[in-house]
């Protein structure tokens, strides 16, 4: 007869090698669902970024299981990759990507028909402002300031004596 401790040890011995070596995520089937940590690692972003994107892009709808666990379908992962590309590589803002989805639809955005060189909407460019001329002082203002400086120096001399 085996004790409960022996049974537990034999079960944990069978699990331990997989944990120690680290499960190779690339061994998952292409059609397998991914956890938020797997998707975040694949995209190189933090998990909270993916949760934020869920609030901004209604097209991203992972399955949620007990305790709020998220499982991303392969279509969700592809969509998140495209959103990542538009935001981080092509320079779109979140509002710009939302506009792409509204105007062109999810499938067009996913297939890369929008964004990049064939973009219907240009990515948000960093606006370069023309250099503003420095406000200068006219001669009358300079004279007034020099007189004030002279008075301040005289006052400082009186205080320090």
C-alpha atoms as a PDB file:
ATOM      1  CA  UNK A   1       0.000   0.000   0.000  1.00  0.00           C
ATOM      2  CA  UNK A   2       1.398   3.414  -0.945  1.00  0.00           C
ATOM      3  CA  UNK A   3       0.983   6.402   1.222  1.00  0.00           C
ATOM      4  CA  UNK A   4      -0.502   9.651   0.065  1.00  0.00           C
ATOM      5  CA  UNK A   5       2.944  11.298   0.290  1.00  0.00           C
ATOM      6  CA  UNK A   6       4.494   8.654  -1.985  1.00  0.00           C
ATOM      7  CA  UNK A   7       1.724   9.147  -4.552  1.00  0.00           C
ATOM      8  CA  UNK A   8       2.210  12.909  -4.440  1.00  0.00           C
ATOM      9  CA  UNK A   9       5.951  12.544  -4.874  1.00  0.00           C
ATOM     10  CA  UNK A  10       5.584  10.258  -7.869  1.00  0.00           C
ATOM     11  CA  UNK A  11       3.175  12.704  -9.540  1.00  0.00           C
ATOM     12  CA  UNK A  12       5.404  15.697  -8.855  1.00  0.00           C
ATOM     13  CA  UNK A  13       8.441  13.744 -10.121  1.00  0.00           C
ATOM     14  CA  UNK A  14       6.664  13.296 -13.432  1.00  0.00           C
ATOM     15  CA  UNK A  15       5.862  17.002 -13.682  1.00  0.00           C
ATOM     16  CA  UNK A  16       9.171  18.363 -12.479  1.00  0.00           C
ATOM     17  CA  UNK A  17      11.300  17.527 -15.579  1.00  0.00           C
ATOM     18  CA  UNK A  18       8.992  19.494 -17.870  1.00  0.00           C
ATOM     19  CA  UNK A  19       9.102  22.469 -15.516  1.00  0.00           C
ATOM     20  CA  UNK A  20      12.855  22.329 -15.079  1.00  0.00           C
ATOM     21  CA  UNK A  21      13.577  22.202 -18.785  1.00  0.00           C
ATOM     22  CA  UNK A  22      10.928  24.806 -19.544  1.00  0.00           C
ATOM     23  CA  UNK A  23       8.092  23.923 -21.866  1.00  0.00           C
ATOM     24  CA  UNK A  24       8.988  24.791 -25.420  1.00  0.00           C
ATOM     25  CA  UNK A  25       6.136  27.058 -26.489  1.00  0.00           C
ATOM     26  CA  UNK A  26       7.031  26.632 -30.140  1.00  0.00           C
ATOM     27  CA  UNK A  27       5.939  22.970 -29.845  1.00  0.00           C
ATOM     28  CA  UNK A  28       2.338  24.090 -29.549  1.00  0.00           C
ATOM     29  CA  UNK A  29       0.125  23.559 -32.529  1.00  0.00           C
ATOM     30  CA  UNK A  30      -0.541  26.586 -34.730  1.00  0.00           C
ATOM     31  CA  UNK A  31      -4.221  26.264 -33.836  1.00  0.00           C
ATOM     32  CA  UNK A  32      -3.586  26.098 -30.076  1.00  0.00           C
ATOM     33  CA  UNK A  33      -4.828  28.823 -27.824  1.00  0.00           C
ATOM     34  CA  UNK A  34      -2.153  30.978 -26.178  1.00  0.00           C
ATOM     35  CA  UNK A  35      -2.024  32.449 -22.700  1.00  0.00           C
ATOM     36  CA  UNK A  36      -1.480  36.153 -22.174  1.00  0.00           C
ATOM     37  CA  UNK A  37       2.092  35.517 -21.043  1.00  0.00           C
ATOM     38  CA  UNK A  38       2.882  33.537 -24.207  1.00  0.00           C
ATOM     39  CA  UNK A  39       1.472  36.264 -26.448  1.00  0.00           C
ATOM     40  CA  UNK A  40       3.210  39.013 -24.474  1.00  0.00           C
ATOM     41  CA  UNK A  41       6.547  37.182 -24.776  1.00  0.00           C
ATOM     42  CA  UNK A  42       6.023  36.619 -28.494  1.00  0.00           C
ATOM     43  CA  UNK A  43       5.303  40.309 -29.115  1.00  0.00           C
ATOM     44  CA  UNK A  44       7.890  41.608 -26.676  1.00  0.00           C
ATOM     45  CA  UNK A  45       5.412  43.672 -24.662  1.00  0.00           C
ATOM     46  CA  UNK A  46       4.164  43.531 -21.091  1.00  0.00           C
ATOM     47  CA  UNK A  47       0.914  41.733 -20.283  1.00  0.00           C
ATOM     48  CA  UNK A  48      -0.762  44.952 -19.176  1.00  0.00           C
ATOM     49  CA  UNK A  49      -0.224  46.335 -22.687  1.00  0.00           C
ATOM     50  CA  UNK A  50      -2.303  43.500 -24.131  1.00  0.00           C
ATOM     51  CA  UNK A  51      -5.033  44.106 -21.552  1.00  0.00           C
ATOM     52  CA  UNK A  52      -4.981  47.804 -22.478  1.00  0.00           C
ATOM     53  CA  UNK A  53      -5.253  46.992 -26.184  1.00  0.00           C
ATOM     54  CA  UNK A  54      -8.326  44.868 -25.411  1.00  0.00           C
ATOM     55  CA  UNK A  55      -9.996  48.008 -24.070  1.00  0.00           C
ATOM     56  CA  UNK A  56      -9.040  50.049 -27.149  1.00  0.00           C
ATOM     57  CA  UNK A  57      -9.660  47.491 -29.896  1.00  0.00           C
ATOM     58  CA  UNK A  58     -12.996  45.692 -29.711  1.00  0.00           C
ATOM     59  CA  UNK A  59     -11.761  43.299 -32.402  1.00  0.00           C
ATOM     60  CA  UNK A  60      -9.480  41.640 -29.822  1.00  0.00           C
ATOM     61  CA  UNK A  61     -11.657  39.286 -27.786  1.00  0.00           C
ATOM     62  CA  UNK A  62      -9.775  36.502 -26.026  1.00  0.00           C
ATOM     63  CA  UNK A  63     -11.684  33.755 -24.278  1.00  0.00           C
ATOM     64  CA  UNK A  64     -11.832  34.301 -20.556  1.00  0.00           C
ATOM     65  CA  UNK A  65     -11.958  31.335 -18.241  1.00  0.00           C
ATOM     66  CA  UNK A  66     -12.253  30.937 -14.496  1.00  0.00           C
ATOM     67  CA  UNK A  67     -10.507  33.635 -12.525  1.00  0.00           C
ATOM     68  CA  UNK A  68     -10.353  35.892 -15.580  1.00  0.00           C
ATOM     69  CA  UNK A  69      -7.674  33.844 -17.372  1.00  0.00           C
ATOM     70  CA  UNK A  70      -7.291  34.897 -20.972  1.00  0.00           C
ATOM     71  CA  UNK A  71      -6.783  32.480 -23.842  1.00  0.00           C
ATOM     72  CA  UNK A  72      -6.012  33.994 -27.224  1.00  0.00           C
ATOM     73  CA  UNK A  73      -7.160  32.269 -30.408  1.00  0.00           C
ATOM     74  CA  UNK A  74      -4.681  32.145 -33.313  1.00  0.00           C
ATOM     75  CA  UNK A  75      -6.745  34.888 -35.033  1.00  0.00           C
ATOM     76  CA  UNK A  76      -6.401  37.083 -31.943  1.00  0.00           C
ATOM     77  CA  UNK A  77      -2.633  36.554 -31.922  1.00  0.00           C
ATOM     78  CA  UNK A  78      -2.378  37.536 -35.606  1.00  0.00           C
ATOM     79  CA  UNK A  79      -4.479  40.626 -34.960  1.00  0.00           C
ATOM     80  CA  UNK A  80      -2.315  41.609 -31.996  1.00  0.00           C
ATOM     81  CA  UNK A  81       0.820  41.145 -34.115  1.00  0.00           C
ATOM     82  CA  UNK A  82      -0.643  43.490 -36.743  1.00  0.00           C
ATOM     83  CA  UNK A  83      -1.634  46.067 -34.109  1.00  0.00           C
ATOM     84  CA  UNK A  84       1.884  45.851 -32.668  1.00  0.00           C
ATOM     85  CA  UNK A  85       3.382  46.368 -36.128  1.00  0.00           C
ATOM     86  CA  UNK A  86       1.171  49.370 -36.871  1.00  0.00           C
ATOM     87  CA  UNK A  87       1.913  50.998 -33.510  1.00  0.00           C
ATOM     88  CA  UNK A  88       5.589  50.219 -33.049  1.00  0.00           C
ATOM     89  CA  UNK A  89       6.937  49.879 -36.599  1.00  0.00           C
ATOM     90  CA  UNK A  90       4.742  52.022 -38.805  1.00  0.00           C
ATOM     91  CA  UNK A  91       4.249  54.838 -36.304  1.00  0.00           C
ATOM     92  CA  UNK A  92       0.474  54.883 -35.991  1.00  0.00           C
ATOM     93  CA  UNK A  93      -1.213  56.137 -32.859  1.00  0.00           C
ATOM     94  CA  UNK A  94      -3.932  54.116 -31.156  1.00  0.00           C
ATOM     95  CA  UNK A  95      -6.532  56.476 -32.600  1.00  0.00           C
ATOM     96  CA  UNK A  96      -4.969  56.009 -36.047  1.00  0.00           C
ATOM     97  CA  UNK A  97      -5.208  52.223 -35.820  1.00  0.00           C
ATOM     98  CA  UNK A  98      -8.790  52.482 -34.557  1.00  0.00           C
ATOM     99  CA  UNK A  99      -9.577  54.637 -37.591  1.00  0.00           C
ATOM    100  CA  UNK A 100      -8.021  52.013 -39.885  1.00  0.00           C
ATOM    101  CA  UNK A 101     -10.286  49.365 -38.390  1.00  0.00           C
ATOM    102  CA  UNK A 102     -13.367  51.593 -38.720  1.00  0.00           C
ATOM    103  CA  UNK A 103     -12.695  52.603 -42.316  1.00  0.00           C
ATOM    104  CA  UNK A 104     -11.255  49.398 -43.742  1.00  0.00           C
ATOM    105  CA  UNK A 105     -12.461  46.566 -41.539  1.00  0.00           C
ATOM    106  CA  UNK A 106     -10.626  43.970 -39.526  1.00  0.00           C
ATOM    107  CA  UNK A 107      -9.814  41.685 -42.463  1.00  0.00           C
ATOM    108  CA  UNK A 108      -8.240  44.438 -44.566  1.00  0.00           C
ATOM    109  CA  UNK A 109      -6.074  45.529 -41.664  1.00  0.00           C
ATOM    110  CA  UNK A 110      -5.068  41.933 -40.937  1.00  0.00           C
ATOM    111  CA  UNK A 111      -4.171  41.217 -44.553  1.00  0.00           C
ATOM    112  CA  UNK A 112      -1.913  44.263 -44.622  1.00  0.00           C
ATOM    113  CA  UNK A 113      -3.964  46.027 -47.272  1.00  0.00           C
ATOM    114  CA  UNK A 114      -3.776  49.160 -45.166  1.00  0.00           C
ATOM    115  CA  UNK A 115      -0.796  50.629 -43.417  1.00  0.00           C
ATOM    116  CA  UNK A 116       2.716  50.662 -44.796  1.00  0.00           C
ATOM    117  CA  UNK A 117       3.271  51.902 -48.342  1.00  0.00           C
ATOM    118  CA  UNK A 118      -0.314  51.268 -49.462  1.00  0.00           C
ATOM    119  CA  UNK A 119      -1.879  53.105 -46.545  1.00  0.00           C
ATOM    120  CA  UNK A 120      -5.184  54.821 -47.029  1.00  0.00           C
ATOM    121  CA  UNK A 121      -4.499  56.807 -43.901  1.00  0.00           C
ATOM    122  CA  UNK A 122      -1.031  58.151 -43.353  1.00  0.00           C
ATOM    123  CA  UNK A 123       0.646  57.286 -40.063  1.00  0.00           C
ATOM    124  CA  UNK A 124       0.820  60.081 -37.585  1.00  0.00           C
ATOM    125  CA  UNK A 125       4.018  61.943 -38.279  1.00  0.00           C
ATOM    126  CA  UNK A 126       5.902  63.854 -35.685  1.00  0.00           C
ATOM    127  CA  UNK A 127       5.091  67.452 -36.394  1.00  0.00           C
ATOM    128  CA  UNK A 128       8.116  69.622 -36.723  1.00  0.00           C
ATOM    129  CA  UNK A 129       7.451  73.167 -35.804  1.00  0.00           C
ATOM    130  CA  UNK A 130       9.272  75.988 -37.476  1.00  0.00           C
ATOM    131  CA  UNK A 131      11.774  77.489 -35.095  1.00  0.00           C
ATOM    132  CA  UNK A 132      10.206  80.383 -33.291  1.00  0.00           C
ATOM    133  CA  UNK A 133      12.227  83.568 -33.276  1.00  0.00           C
ATOM    134  CA  UNK A 134      13.518  84.299 -29.829  1.00  0.00           C
ATOM    135  CA  UNK A 135      11.797  87.293 -28.418  1.00  0.00           C
ATOM    136  CA  UNK A 136      14.387  89.996 -28.296  1.00  0.00           C
ATOM    137  CA  UNK A 137      14.533  93.187 -26.343  1.00  0.00           C
ATOM    138  CA  UNK A 138      14.537  96.519 -27.997  1.00  0.00           C
ATOM    139  CA  UNK A 139      17.060  99.150 -26.954  1.00  0.00           C
ATOM    140  CA  UNK A 140      14.661 100.965 -24.611  1.00  0.00           C
ATOM    141  CA  UNK A 141      13.954  97.729 -22.713  1.00  0.00           C
ATOM    142  CA  UNK A 142      17.661  96.952 -22.468  1.00  0.00           C
ATOM    143  CA  UNK A 143      18.338 100.412 -21.014  1.00  0.00           C
ATOM    144  CA  UNK A 144      15.600 100.001 -18.394  1.00  0.00           C
ATOM    145  CA  UNK A 145      16.948  96.588 -17.355  1.00  0.00           C
ATOM    146  CA  UNK A 146      20.522  97.907 -17.124  1.00  0.00           C
ATOM    147  CA  UNK A 147      19.351 100.748 -14.894  1.00  0.00           C
ATOM    148  CA  UNK A 148      17.466  98.288 -12.665  1.00  0.00           C
ATOM    149  CA  UNK A 149      20.534  96.074 -12.437  1.00  0.00           C
ATOM    150  CA  UNK A 150      22.644  99.007 -11.452  1.00  0.00           C
ATOM    151  CA  UNK A 151      20.140  99.963  -8.729  1.00  0.00           C
ATOM    152  CA  UNK A 152      20.053  96.384  -7.432  1.00  0.00           C
ATOM    153  CA  UNK A 153      23.832  96.301  -7.225  1.00  0.00           C
ATOM    154  CA  UNK A 154      23.803  99.557  -5.257  1.00  0.00           C
ATOM    155  CA  UNK A 155      21.173  98.145  -2.872  1.00  0.00           C
ATOM    156  CA  UNK A 156      23.161  94.957  -2.357  1.00  0.00           C
ATOM    157  CA  UNK A 157      26.217  97.066  -1.529  1.00  0.00           C
ATOM    158  CA  UNK A 158      24.206  99.003   1.073  1.00  0.00           C
ATOM    159  CA  UNK A 159      22.893  95.788   2.681  1.00  0.00           C
ATOM    160  CA  UNK A 160      26.271  94.100   2.844  1.00  0.00           C
ATOM    161  CA  UNK A 161      28.019  97.112   4.480  1.00  0.00           C
END
